[in-house]
N, C-alpha and C. Protein backbone atom coordinates (compact mmCIF):
# COMPACT_ATOMS: atom_id res chain seq x y z
N MET A 1 203.46 128.20 -23.48
CA MET A 1 203.11 127.06 -24.33
C MET A 1 204.38 126.46 -24.92
N VAL A 2 204.35 125.16 -25.14
CA VAL A 2 205.52 124.47 -25.67
C VAL A 2 205.24 124.09 -27.12
N LYS A 3 206.02 124.58 -28.05
CA LYS A 3 205.80 124.34 -29.46
C LYS A 3 206.51 123.08 -29.92
N PHE A 4 205.86 122.32 -30.83
CA PHE A 4 206.46 121.12 -31.37
C PHE A 4 206.23 121.04 -32.87
N THR A 5 207.12 120.35 -33.58
CA THR A 5 206.94 120.04 -34.99
C THR A 5 207.11 118.54 -35.13
N SER A 6 206.92 118.02 -36.33
CA SER A 6 207.16 116.60 -36.54
C SER A 6 208.62 116.30 -36.28
N LEU A 7 208.87 115.19 -35.63
CA LEU A 7 210.24 114.85 -35.28
C LEU A 7 210.54 113.38 -35.56
N LEU A 8 211.81 113.12 -35.75
CA LEU A 8 212.30 111.75 -35.90
C LEU A 8 213.42 111.56 -34.90
N LEU A 9 213.55 110.32 -34.42
CA LEU A 9 214.61 110.01 -33.48
C LEU A 9 215.12 108.62 -33.79
N ALA A 10 216.43 108.50 -34.01
CA ALA A 10 217.02 107.20 -34.35
C ALA A 10 218.07 106.81 -33.32
N SER A 11 218.21 105.52 -33.08
CA SER A 11 219.19 105.05 -32.12
C SER A 11 220.46 104.60 -32.82
N VAL A 12 221.53 104.56 -32.05
CA VAL A 12 222.82 104.11 -32.58
C VAL A 12 223.48 103.22 -31.55
N ALA A 13 224.07 102.12 -32.01
CA ALA A 13 224.82 101.25 -31.11
C ALA A 13 226.28 101.35 -31.50
N VAL A 14 227.13 101.67 -30.54
CA VAL A 14 228.54 101.85 -30.84
C VAL A 14 229.36 100.81 -30.10
N LEU A 15 230.11 100.04 -30.85
CA LEU A 15 230.96 99.01 -30.26
C LEU A 15 232.37 99.56 -30.07
N ALA A 16 232.91 99.33 -28.90
CA ALA A 16 234.27 99.70 -28.57
C ALA A 16 234.45 101.21 -28.45
N VAL A 17 233.47 101.97 -28.87
CA VAL A 17 233.60 103.41 -28.78
C VAL A 17 232.49 104.00 -27.92
N SER A 18 231.26 103.66 -28.16
CA SER A 18 230.14 104.09 -27.33
C SER A 18 228.93 103.19 -27.47
N THR A 19 227.72 103.03 -27.78
CA THR A 19 226.36 103.08 -27.19
C THR A 19 225.20 102.11 -27.45
N GLN A 20 224.04 102.30 -27.62
CA GLN A 20 222.81 101.59 -27.21
C GLN A 20 222.91 100.10 -27.01
N ALA A 21 222.07 99.26 -27.40
CA ALA A 21 221.98 97.84 -27.08
C ALA A 21 223.23 97.17 -26.53
N GLN A 22 224.27 96.97 -27.37
CA GLN A 22 225.43 96.18 -26.94
C GLN A 22 226.53 97.00 -26.30
N THR A 23 226.24 98.15 -25.74
CA THR A 23 227.32 99.03 -25.36
C THR A 23 227.78 98.92 -23.92
N ALA A 24 229.00 99.30 -23.70
CA ALA A 24 229.51 99.35 -22.34
C ALA A 24 229.58 100.79 -21.86
N VAL A 25 229.22 101.72 -22.72
CA VAL A 25 229.35 103.13 -22.37
C VAL A 25 228.01 103.75 -22.00
N GLY A 26 226.93 103.35 -22.67
CA GLY A 26 225.63 103.91 -22.37
C GLY A 26 224.95 104.41 -23.61
N PRO A 27 223.64 104.70 -23.54
CA PRO A 27 222.88 105.06 -24.72
C PRO A 27 223.19 106.44 -25.28
N THR A 28 223.25 106.51 -26.59
CA THR A 28 223.43 107.77 -27.28
C THR A 28 222.39 107.85 -28.38
N VAL A 29 221.82 109.01 -28.61
CA VAL A 29 220.82 109.15 -29.65
C VAL A 29 221.19 110.27 -30.58
N ALA A 30 220.59 110.23 -31.76
CA ALA A 30 220.79 111.29 -32.74
C ALA A 30 219.43 111.78 -33.18
N ILE A 31 219.27 113.07 -33.30
CA ILE A 31 217.97 113.64 -33.64
C ILE A 31 218.03 114.30 -35.00
N ALA A 32 216.99 114.05 -35.79
CA ALA A 32 216.86 114.73 -37.08
C ALA A 32 215.42 115.12 -37.26
N ALA A 33 215.18 116.26 -37.89
CA ALA A 33 213.81 116.70 -38.15
C ALA A 33 213.51 116.55 -39.63
N ALA A 34 212.27 116.17 -39.96
CA ALA A 34 211.88 116.01 -41.36
C ALA A 34 210.41 116.32 -41.51
N ASP A 35 210.04 116.80 -42.69
CA ASP A 35 208.64 117.12 -42.97
C ASP A 35 208.03 117.94 -41.85
N PHE A 36 208.56 119.10 -41.57
CA PHE A 36 208.14 119.87 -40.41
C PHE A 36 206.68 120.29 -40.49
N GLU A 37 205.79 119.39 -40.07
CA GLU A 37 204.36 119.69 -40.01
C GLU A 37 204.08 120.41 -38.70
N ARG A 38 203.31 121.48 -38.76
CA ARG A 38 202.99 122.24 -37.55
C ARG A 38 201.99 121.45 -36.71
N LEU A 39 202.30 121.25 -35.46
CA LEU A 39 201.42 120.47 -34.59
C LEU A 39 200.70 121.32 -33.56
N GLY A 40 201.02 122.60 -33.52
CA GLY A 40 200.37 123.44 -32.52
C GLY A 40 201.12 123.41 -31.21
N SER A 41 200.41 123.63 -30.13
CA SER A 41 201.03 123.76 -28.82
C SER A 41 200.47 122.74 -27.84
N LEU A 42 201.32 122.31 -26.93
CA LEU A 42 200.86 121.46 -25.86
C LEU A 42 200.16 122.33 -24.82
N PRO A 43 199.02 121.89 -24.31
CA PRO A 43 198.29 122.71 -23.33
C PRO A 43 199.05 122.83 -22.02
N GLU A 44 198.85 123.98 -21.37
CA GLU A 44 199.52 124.21 -20.08
C GLU A 44 199.13 123.17 -19.05
N SER A 45 197.97 122.52 -19.23
CA SER A 45 197.50 121.53 -18.27
C SER A 45 198.41 120.33 -18.18
N LEU A 46 199.31 120.18 -19.18
CA LEU A 46 200.26 119.07 -19.14
C LEU A 46 201.38 119.32 -18.14
N PHE A 47 201.46 120.54 -17.63
CA PHE A 47 202.53 120.87 -16.72
C PHE A 47 201.96 121.25 -15.36
N GLU A 48 202.70 120.91 -14.34
CA GLU A 48 202.25 121.25 -13.00
C GLU A 48 203.40 121.89 -12.25
N ALA A 49 203.07 122.74 -11.32
CA ALA A 49 204.10 123.41 -10.54
C ALA A 49 204.60 122.47 -9.45
N SER A 50 205.90 122.40 -9.30
CA SER A 50 206.46 121.56 -8.24
C SER A 50 206.66 122.41 -6.99
N GLU A 51 207.21 121.80 -5.96
CA GLU A 51 207.51 122.56 -4.75
C GLU A 51 208.63 123.55 -5.04
N VAL A 52 208.73 124.55 -4.21
CA VAL A 52 209.78 125.56 -4.39
C VAL A 52 211.14 124.89 -4.20
N SER A 53 212.05 125.16 -5.12
CA SER A 53 213.38 124.55 -5.06
C SER A 53 214.21 125.21 -3.96
N HIS A 54 215.39 124.66 -3.69
CA HIS A 54 216.26 125.21 -2.67
C HIS A 54 216.68 126.63 -3.01
N SER A 55 216.68 126.95 -4.32
CA SER A 55 217.10 128.28 -4.71
C SER A 55 215.97 129.29 -4.57
N GLY A 56 214.77 128.80 -4.23
CA GLY A 56 213.64 129.69 -4.05
C GLY A 56 212.82 129.90 -5.30
N SER A 57 213.26 129.37 -6.45
CA SER A 57 212.52 129.54 -7.69
C SER A 57 211.48 128.43 -7.84
N LEU A 58 210.42 128.69 -8.57
CA LEU A 58 209.36 127.71 -8.78
C LEU A 58 209.68 126.89 -10.01
N GLU A 59 209.86 125.60 -9.85
CA GLU A 59 210.18 124.72 -10.96
C GLU A 59 208.91 124.25 -11.64
N ARG A 60 209.03 123.88 -12.93
CA ARG A 60 207.90 123.32 -13.65
C ARG A 60 208.35 121.99 -14.24
N ARG A 61 207.49 121.01 -14.15
CA ARG A 61 207.84 119.70 -14.69
C ARG A 61 206.62 119.07 -15.33
N ALA A 62 206.88 118.14 -16.26
CA ALA A 62 205.78 117.48 -16.94
C ALA A 62 204.98 116.65 -15.95
N ALA A 63 203.66 116.75 -16.03
CA ALA A 63 202.80 115.96 -15.15
C ALA A 63 202.97 114.48 -15.46
N LYS A 64 203.03 113.69 -14.42
CA LYS A 64 203.19 112.25 -14.59
C LYS A 64 201.83 111.64 -14.93
N LYS A 65 201.63 111.34 -16.18
CA LYS A 65 200.37 110.75 -16.60
C LYS A 65 200.65 109.58 -17.52
N VAL A 66 199.87 108.53 -17.37
CA VAL A 66 200.05 107.34 -18.19
C VAL A 66 198.97 107.30 -19.27
N TYR A 67 199.40 107.10 -20.51
CA TYR A 67 198.49 107.00 -21.64
C TYR A 67 198.47 105.57 -22.16
N LYS A 68 197.45 105.23 -22.88
CA LYS A 68 197.29 103.87 -23.37
C LYS A 68 197.61 103.78 -24.86
N PRO A 69 198.57 102.94 -25.25
CA PRO A 69 198.89 102.77 -26.66
C PRO A 69 197.67 102.27 -27.45
N THR A 70 197.62 102.61 -28.71
CA THR A 70 196.54 102.16 -29.59
C THR A 70 196.92 100.83 -30.21
N PRO A 71 196.17 99.76 -29.99
CA PRO A 71 196.52 98.46 -30.58
C PRO A 71 196.59 98.54 -32.11
N LEU A 72 197.56 97.88 -32.69
CA LEU A 72 197.69 97.88 -34.14
C LEU A 72 196.79 96.80 -34.74
N THR A 73 196.17 97.12 -35.86
CA THR A 73 195.35 96.15 -36.56
C THR A 73 196.26 95.23 -37.38
N ALA A 74 195.71 94.13 -37.83
CA ALA A 74 196.46 93.21 -38.68
C ALA A 74 196.91 93.92 -39.95
N LYS A 75 196.06 94.79 -40.47
CA LYS A 75 196.41 95.54 -41.69
C LYS A 75 197.58 96.48 -41.43
N GLU A 76 197.58 97.15 -40.29
CA GLU A 76 198.69 98.05 -39.98
C GLU A 76 200.00 97.28 -39.89
N LYS A 77 199.97 96.13 -39.25
CA LYS A 77 201.19 95.33 -39.14
C LYS A 77 201.67 94.90 -40.52
N ALA A 78 200.72 94.48 -41.37
CA ALA A 78 201.07 94.07 -42.73
C ALA A 78 201.64 95.23 -43.52
N ASP A 79 201.06 96.41 -43.36
CA ASP A 79 201.55 97.59 -44.07
C ASP A 79 202.95 97.99 -43.61
N ILE A 80 203.20 97.87 -42.30
CA ILE A 80 204.53 98.18 -41.77
C ILE A 80 205.58 97.29 -42.41
N LEU A 81 205.28 96.00 -42.48
CA LEU A 81 206.22 95.06 -43.10
C LEU A 81 206.36 95.33 -44.60
N LYS A 82 205.24 95.62 -45.25
CA LYS A 82 205.26 95.85 -46.70
C LYS A 82 206.14 97.05 -47.05
N VAL A 83 205.95 98.15 -46.33
CA VAL A 83 206.73 99.36 -46.63
C VAL A 83 208.21 99.15 -46.30
N HIS A 84 208.48 98.59 -45.14
CA HIS A 84 209.88 98.30 -44.79
C HIS A 84 210.54 97.42 -45.84
N ASN A 85 209.86 96.34 -46.19
CA ASN A 85 210.48 95.35 -47.06
C ASN A 85 210.62 95.82 -48.51
N LYS A 86 209.79 96.75 -48.91
CA LYS A 86 209.97 97.36 -50.24
C LYS A 86 211.30 98.11 -50.28
N TYR A 87 211.54 98.92 -49.26
CA TYR A 87 212.79 99.67 -49.22
C TYR A 87 213.99 98.75 -49.02
N ARG A 88 213.82 97.74 -48.19
CA ARG A 88 214.93 96.82 -47.93
C ARG A 88 215.30 96.03 -49.19
N LYS A 89 214.33 95.63 -49.95
CA LYS A 89 214.61 94.90 -51.19
C LYS A 89 215.43 95.76 -52.14
N ASP A 90 215.12 97.05 -52.19
CA ASP A 90 215.87 97.97 -53.05
C ASP A 90 217.34 98.04 -52.65
N HIS A 91 217.62 97.76 -51.36
CA HIS A 91 218.99 97.88 -50.86
C HIS A 91 219.60 96.53 -50.48
N GLN A 92 219.12 95.50 -51.14
CA GLN A 92 219.72 94.17 -51.04
C GLN A 92 219.67 93.60 -49.62
N ALA A 93 218.63 93.94 -48.89
CA ALA A 93 218.46 93.43 -47.52
C ALA A 93 217.27 92.47 -47.48
N PRO A 94 217.35 91.40 -46.71
CA PRO A 94 216.24 90.44 -46.63
C PRO A 94 215.02 91.03 -45.95
N ALA A 95 213.87 90.45 -46.23
CA ALA A 95 212.60 90.94 -45.66
C ALA A 95 212.58 90.76 -44.15
N LEU A 96 211.98 91.71 -43.48
CA LEU A 96 211.78 91.62 -42.03
C LEU A 96 210.53 90.80 -41.73
N LYS A 97 210.54 90.13 -40.59
CA LYS A 97 209.35 89.46 -40.07
C LYS A 97 208.84 90.26 -38.88
N TRP A 98 207.58 90.02 -38.52
CA TRP A 98 207.00 90.73 -37.38
C TRP A 98 207.48 90.11 -36.08
N SER A 99 207.83 90.95 -35.11
CA SER A 99 208.26 90.49 -33.80
C SER A 99 207.29 90.98 -32.73
N ASP A 100 206.53 90.07 -32.15
CA ASP A 100 205.63 90.44 -31.05
C ASP A 100 206.43 90.92 -29.84
N LYS A 101 207.62 90.36 -29.66
CA LYS A 101 208.46 90.74 -28.52
C LYS A 101 208.90 92.20 -28.64
N ALA A 102 209.33 92.59 -29.84
CA ALA A 102 209.76 93.97 -30.05
C ALA A 102 208.59 94.94 -29.95
N ALA A 103 207.42 94.51 -30.48
CA ALA A 103 206.23 95.34 -30.41
C ALA A 103 205.79 95.55 -28.96
N ALA A 104 205.85 94.48 -28.17
CA ALA A 104 205.47 94.57 -26.76
C ALA A 104 206.40 95.52 -26.01
N TRP A 105 207.68 95.50 -26.37
CA TRP A 105 208.63 96.40 -25.74
C TRP A 105 208.23 97.86 -26.01
N GLY A 106 207.94 98.16 -27.27
CA GLY A 106 207.54 99.52 -27.61
C GLY A 106 206.27 99.93 -26.90
N ASN A 107 205.28 99.05 -26.90
CA ASN A 107 204.00 99.34 -26.25
C ASN A 107 204.17 99.67 -24.77
N SER A 108 205.08 98.97 -24.12
CA SER A 108 205.25 99.13 -22.68
C SER A 108 206.12 100.32 -22.30
N HIS A 109 206.74 100.95 -23.30
CA HIS A 109 207.67 102.03 -22.98
C HIS A 109 207.28 103.39 -23.56
N ILE A 110 206.09 103.50 -24.15
CA ILE A 110 205.68 104.80 -24.69
C ILE A 110 204.47 105.37 -23.96
N THR A 111 204.09 104.77 -22.85
CA THR A 111 202.87 105.17 -22.15
C THR A 111 202.96 106.55 -21.51
N SER A 112 204.16 107.09 -21.38
CA SER A 112 204.30 108.43 -20.80
C SER A 112 204.16 109.53 -21.84
N CYS A 113 204.09 109.14 -23.13
CA CYS A 113 204.02 110.10 -24.24
C CYS A 113 205.27 110.98 -24.31
N GLU A 114 206.38 110.49 -23.78
CA GLU A 114 207.64 111.22 -23.90
C GLU A 114 208.34 110.79 -25.18
N PHE A 115 208.79 111.77 -25.94
CA PHE A 115 209.46 111.48 -27.21
C PHE A 115 210.95 111.26 -26.95
N LYS A 116 211.27 110.04 -26.56
CA LYS A 116 212.66 109.71 -26.28
C LYS A 116 212.86 108.20 -26.42
N HIS A 117 214.10 107.81 -26.60
CA HIS A 117 214.39 106.39 -26.77
C HIS A 117 214.16 105.61 -25.48
N THR A 118 213.83 104.33 -25.67
CA THR A 118 213.50 103.48 -24.52
C THR A 118 214.75 102.88 -23.88
N GLY A 119 215.87 102.88 -24.60
CA GLY A 119 217.10 102.33 -24.04
C GLY A 119 217.09 100.82 -23.94
N GLY A 120 216.32 100.16 -24.81
CA GLY A 120 216.19 98.71 -24.75
C GLY A 120 217.21 97.97 -25.58
N PRO A 121 217.00 96.68 -25.76
CA PRO A 121 217.96 95.82 -26.47
C PRO A 121 217.81 95.84 -27.98
N PHE A 122 216.95 96.72 -28.50
CA PHE A 122 216.68 96.75 -29.94
C PHE A 122 217.23 98.00 -30.60
N GLY A 123 217.34 97.95 -31.94
CA GLY A 123 217.52 99.18 -32.69
C GLY A 123 216.17 99.87 -32.67
N GLU A 124 216.13 101.19 -32.80
CA GLU A 124 214.86 101.87 -32.59
C GLU A 124 214.73 103.14 -33.42
N ASN A 125 213.59 103.30 -34.07
CA ASN A 125 213.24 104.53 -34.77
C ASN A 125 211.96 105.09 -34.16
N LEU A 126 211.94 106.39 -33.98
CA LEU A 126 210.77 107.08 -33.45
C LEU A 126 210.34 108.18 -34.41
N ALA A 127 209.05 108.45 -34.42
CA ALA A 127 208.52 109.56 -35.22
C ALA A 127 207.30 110.12 -34.51
N ALA A 128 207.02 111.39 -34.72
CA ALA A 128 205.84 112.01 -34.15
C ALA A 128 205.30 113.04 -35.13
N GLY A 129 203.97 113.13 -35.21
CA GLY A 129 203.35 114.14 -36.05
C GLY A 129 202.94 113.68 -37.42
N TYR A 130 203.10 112.40 -37.72
CA TYR A 130 202.74 111.86 -39.03
C TYR A 130 201.35 111.23 -38.99
N SER A 131 200.75 111.08 -40.16
CA SER A 131 199.37 110.60 -40.23
C SER A 131 199.26 109.10 -40.03
N ASN A 132 200.30 108.34 -40.36
CA ASN A 132 200.27 106.89 -40.22
C ASN A 132 201.70 106.34 -40.27
N PHE A 133 201.82 105.03 -40.08
CA PHE A 133 203.14 104.40 -40.10
C PHE A 133 203.81 104.52 -41.45
N SER A 134 203.05 104.38 -42.52
CA SER A 134 203.64 104.46 -43.86
C SER A 134 204.34 105.79 -44.07
N ALA A 135 203.70 106.87 -43.62
CA ALA A 135 204.30 108.20 -43.75
C ALA A 135 205.55 108.33 -42.90
N ALA A 136 205.51 107.77 -41.68
CA ALA A 136 206.67 107.83 -40.80
C ALA A 136 207.84 107.04 -41.37
N ILE A 137 207.57 105.83 -41.85
CA ILE A 137 208.63 104.99 -42.42
C ILE A 137 209.22 105.64 -43.66
N LYS A 138 208.36 106.27 -44.47
CA LYS A 138 208.86 106.98 -45.66
C LYS A 138 209.80 108.11 -45.25
N ALA A 139 209.43 108.84 -44.20
CA ALA A 139 210.29 109.92 -43.71
C ALA A 139 211.64 109.36 -43.25
N TRP A 140 211.60 108.22 -42.56
CA TRP A 140 212.86 107.59 -42.15
C TRP A 140 213.69 107.23 -43.37
N TYR A 141 213.05 106.60 -44.34
CA TYR A 141 213.79 106.15 -45.52
C TYR A 141 214.31 107.31 -46.35
N ASP A 142 213.57 108.39 -46.44
CA ASP A 142 213.94 109.51 -47.31
C ASP A 142 215.28 110.15 -46.94
N GLU A 143 215.80 109.80 -45.77
CA GLU A 143 217.13 110.28 -45.41
C GLU A 143 218.21 109.70 -46.32
N VAL A 144 217.85 108.71 -47.14
CA VAL A 144 218.80 108.12 -48.09
C VAL A 144 219.43 109.20 -48.97
N ALA A 145 218.70 110.27 -49.20
CA ALA A 145 219.20 111.36 -50.06
C ALA A 145 220.47 111.98 -49.48
N HIS A 146 220.68 111.81 -48.17
CA HIS A 146 221.84 112.42 -47.52
C HIS A 146 222.94 111.41 -47.17
N TYR A 147 222.72 110.14 -47.54
CA TYR A 147 223.70 109.11 -47.18
C TYR A 147 224.73 108.95 -48.29
N ASP A 148 225.99 108.95 -47.91
CA ASP A 148 227.09 108.79 -48.87
C ASP A 148 227.59 107.36 -48.80
N PHE A 149 227.21 106.57 -49.80
CA PHE A 149 227.62 105.16 -49.80
C PHE A 149 229.13 105.00 -50.00
N LYS A 150 229.80 106.04 -50.47
CA LYS A 150 231.25 105.99 -50.63
C LYS A 150 231.96 106.25 -49.31
N LYS A 151 231.22 106.83 -48.35
CA LYS A 151 231.77 107.08 -47.02
C LYS A 151 230.77 106.58 -45.98
N PRO A 152 230.58 105.26 -45.89
CA PRO A 152 229.56 104.70 -45.00
C PRO A 152 229.84 104.98 -43.53
N GLY A 153 228.75 105.13 -42.77
CA GLY A 153 228.90 105.36 -41.34
C GLY A 153 227.64 105.98 -40.77
N PHE A 154 227.64 106.18 -39.47
CA PHE A 154 226.46 106.74 -38.81
C PHE A 154 226.46 108.25 -38.86
N SER A 155 225.25 108.81 -39.05
CA SER A 155 225.04 110.25 -38.98
C SER A 155 223.65 110.49 -38.43
N GLY A 156 223.48 111.55 -37.67
CA GLY A 156 222.17 111.90 -37.16
C GLY A 156 221.19 112.23 -38.27
N ALA A 157 221.72 112.59 -39.44
CA ALA A 157 220.87 112.95 -40.57
C ALA A 157 220.40 111.74 -41.35
N THR A 158 221.00 110.57 -41.10
CA THR A 158 220.66 109.37 -41.89
C THR A 158 220.42 108.13 -41.04
N GLY A 159 220.41 108.26 -39.72
CA GLY A 159 220.31 107.09 -38.85
C GLY A 159 219.03 106.31 -38.96
N HIS A 160 217.92 106.98 -39.33
CA HIS A 160 216.65 106.26 -39.50
C HIS A 160 216.71 105.40 -40.76
N PHE A 161 217.22 105.99 -41.83
CA PHE A 161 217.37 105.25 -43.09
C PHE A 161 218.23 104.01 -42.91
N THR A 162 219.39 104.18 -42.27
CA THR A 162 220.30 103.05 -42.15
C THR A 162 219.71 101.91 -41.31
N GLN A 163 218.89 102.25 -40.31
CA GLN A 163 218.23 101.19 -39.54
C GLN A 163 217.16 100.51 -40.35
N VAL A 164 216.40 101.26 -41.13
CA VAL A 164 215.34 100.66 -41.95
C VAL A 164 215.90 99.61 -42.91
N VAL A 165 217.06 99.88 -43.52
CA VAL A 165 217.59 98.96 -44.53
C VAL A 165 218.73 98.10 -43.99
N TRP A 166 219.00 98.15 -42.70
CA TRP A 166 220.12 97.40 -42.11
C TRP A 166 219.97 95.91 -42.41
N LYS A 167 220.91 95.38 -43.15
CA LYS A 167 220.81 94.00 -43.64
C LYS A 167 220.73 92.98 -42.51
N GLY A 168 221.43 93.23 -41.43
CA GLY A 168 221.49 92.26 -40.35
C GLY A 168 220.25 92.21 -39.47
N SER A 169 219.37 93.18 -39.57
CA SER A 169 218.13 93.14 -38.79
C SER A 169 217.18 92.13 -39.42
N LYS A 170 216.55 91.32 -38.60
CA LYS A 170 215.71 90.24 -39.10
C LYS A 170 214.22 90.43 -38.81
N ALA A 171 213.91 91.22 -37.80
CA ALA A 171 212.50 91.36 -37.39
C ALA A 171 212.25 92.78 -36.88
N VAL A 172 210.99 93.16 -36.90
CA VAL A 172 210.59 94.47 -36.41
C VAL A 172 209.25 94.37 -35.69
N GLY A 173 209.09 95.16 -34.67
CA GLY A 173 207.81 95.26 -33.97
C GLY A 173 207.55 96.72 -33.69
N CYS A 174 206.34 97.18 -33.90
CA CYS A 174 206.05 98.61 -33.78
C CYS A 174 204.84 98.86 -32.88
N ALA A 175 204.73 100.10 -32.45
CA ALA A 175 203.61 100.50 -31.59
C ALA A 175 203.33 101.97 -31.84
N LYS A 176 202.15 102.42 -31.42
CA LYS A 176 201.80 103.84 -31.56
C LYS A 176 200.95 104.26 -30.38
N ILE A 177 200.94 105.55 -30.13
CA ILE A 177 200.15 106.08 -29.03
C ILE A 177 199.68 107.48 -29.37
N GLN A 178 198.42 107.75 -29.08
CA GLN A 178 197.87 109.09 -29.30
C GLN A 178 198.11 109.92 -28.04
N CYS A 179 198.89 110.96 -28.17
CA CYS A 179 199.19 111.85 -27.07
C CYS A 179 198.35 113.12 -27.21
N PRO A 180 198.39 114.00 -26.24
CA PRO A 180 197.50 115.17 -26.27
C PRO A 180 197.53 115.97 -27.57
N GLN A 181 198.73 116.19 -28.14
CA GLN A 181 198.80 117.02 -29.34
C GLN A 181 199.52 116.36 -30.51
N TRP A 182 199.88 115.10 -30.37
CA TRP A 182 200.53 114.42 -31.48
C TRP A 182 200.44 112.91 -31.27
N LYS A 183 200.75 112.18 -32.30
CA LYS A 183 200.79 110.72 -32.23
C LYS A 183 202.24 110.28 -32.37
N ILE A 184 202.67 109.40 -31.49
CA ILE A 184 204.04 108.89 -31.53
C ILE A 184 204.05 107.49 -32.13
N TYR A 185 205.01 107.26 -33.02
CA TYR A 185 205.21 105.95 -33.65
C TYR A 185 206.59 105.45 -33.24
N ILE A 186 206.66 104.16 -32.91
CA ILE A 186 207.93 103.57 -32.51
C ILE A 186 208.09 102.21 -33.19
N CYS A 187 209.26 101.96 -33.75
CA CYS A 187 209.58 100.64 -34.32
C CYS A 187 210.89 100.18 -33.71
N ASP A 188 210.89 98.93 -33.22
CA ASP A 188 212.08 98.32 -32.64
C ASP A 188 212.55 97.17 -33.51
N TYR A 189 213.85 97.14 -33.77
CA TYR A 189 214.43 96.20 -34.73
C TYR A 189 215.34 95.19 -34.02
N ASP A 190 215.24 93.93 -34.45
CA ASP A 190 215.99 92.85 -33.83
C ASP A 190 216.68 92.01 -34.91
N PRO A 191 218.01 91.89 -34.82
CA PRO A 191 218.91 92.60 -33.92
C PRO A 191 219.09 94.06 -34.33
N ALA A 192 219.65 94.83 -33.45
CA ALA A 192 219.81 96.27 -33.68
C ALA A 192 220.76 96.56 -34.83
N GLY A 193 220.47 97.64 -35.55
CA GLY A 193 221.37 98.14 -36.58
C GLY A 193 222.15 99.33 -36.05
N ASN A 194 222.71 100.10 -36.98
CA ASN A 194 223.48 101.31 -36.64
C ASN A 194 224.60 101.01 -35.66
N ILE A 195 225.31 99.92 -35.91
CA ILE A 195 226.44 99.54 -35.06
C ILE A 195 227.70 100.22 -35.59
N VAL A 196 228.34 100.96 -34.71
CA VAL A 196 229.51 101.76 -35.11
C VAL A 196 230.78 101.17 -34.52
N ASP A 197 231.79 101.04 -35.35
CA ASP A 197 233.12 100.70 -34.87
C ASP A 197 234.11 101.67 -35.52
N SER A 198 235.37 101.51 -35.23
CA SER A 198 236.38 102.48 -35.67
C SER A 198 236.56 102.54 -37.19
N THR A 199 236.16 101.48 -37.89
CA THR A 199 236.34 101.45 -39.34
C THR A 199 235.02 101.48 -40.10
N ASN A 200 233.90 101.60 -39.37
CA ASN A 200 232.58 101.59 -39.99
C ASN A 200 232.32 100.31 -40.79
N SER A 201 232.93 99.21 -40.36
CA SER A 201 232.81 97.96 -41.09
C SER A 201 231.38 97.43 -41.11
N TYR A 202 230.63 97.69 -40.04
CA TYR A 202 229.25 97.21 -39.99
C TYR A 202 228.37 97.92 -41.01
N PHE A 203 228.62 99.19 -41.23
CA PHE A 203 227.84 99.94 -42.22
C PHE A 203 228.19 99.47 -43.63
N LYS A 204 229.44 99.16 -43.86
CA LYS A 204 229.86 98.67 -45.17
C LYS A 204 229.15 97.36 -45.53
N LYS A 205 228.91 96.53 -44.52
CA LYS A 205 228.29 95.22 -44.76
C LYS A 205 226.77 95.27 -44.74
N ASN A 206 226.20 96.23 -44.05
CA ASN A 206 224.75 96.20 -43.80
C ASN A 206 223.94 97.30 -44.47
N VAL A 207 224.57 98.35 -44.96
CA VAL A 207 223.85 99.42 -45.66
C VAL A 207 224.36 99.47 -47.08
N LEU A 208 223.62 98.82 -47.96
CA LEU A 208 224.07 98.63 -49.33
C LEU A 208 223.32 99.55 -50.28
N PRO A 209 223.97 99.94 -51.38
CA PRO A 209 223.30 100.82 -52.37
C PRO A 209 222.22 100.05 -53.11
N LYS A 210 221.38 100.77 -53.80
CA LYS A 210 220.35 100.14 -54.63
C LYS A 210 221.00 99.25 -55.68
N LYS A 211 220.33 98.16 -55.99
CA LYS A 211 220.84 97.25 -57.01
C LYS A 211 220.76 97.90 -58.38
């Protein structure tokens, strides 16, 4: 059996050094765990035996199955914006608007129920194991407790928080999907945050302390 807990996954874009959206090097992700809620085990039926490998051992791989995302209600979209914008206002960032384009991207890339980044043109936060978007966004934001505004920059422990309040992001689109043993939440931000350069100048301009 494969054990899982609640997880968070944040993307980072590195200019001149490394990664996601605007990068010439390739995607890099940072993983942080929060609110470790026990989710139980994934059933063995999710795995199938492959053909015998050249080494003679029997490999196991995740079964290729497509799942259908759960459409968001108007209230869910409003709540996503409300929670984001409450935190953003506290950190001197303008309110986000809803992006159907970003939401469509998330919807089209989570159908495998794999907890991993989509590698798209947006900034991206992922969560699994939470009861709703509000709880997931709160978990992302709560990383603020570990962010040092005197030493701004990217960290795997604070990457979700910095994307949530990234001043330069103007819109967000989110999606969710019910998987066999957990629900995955994804939010894509346009333009992407968590942009890293050699002097962390983007973090200095876009991740501001509370007023």
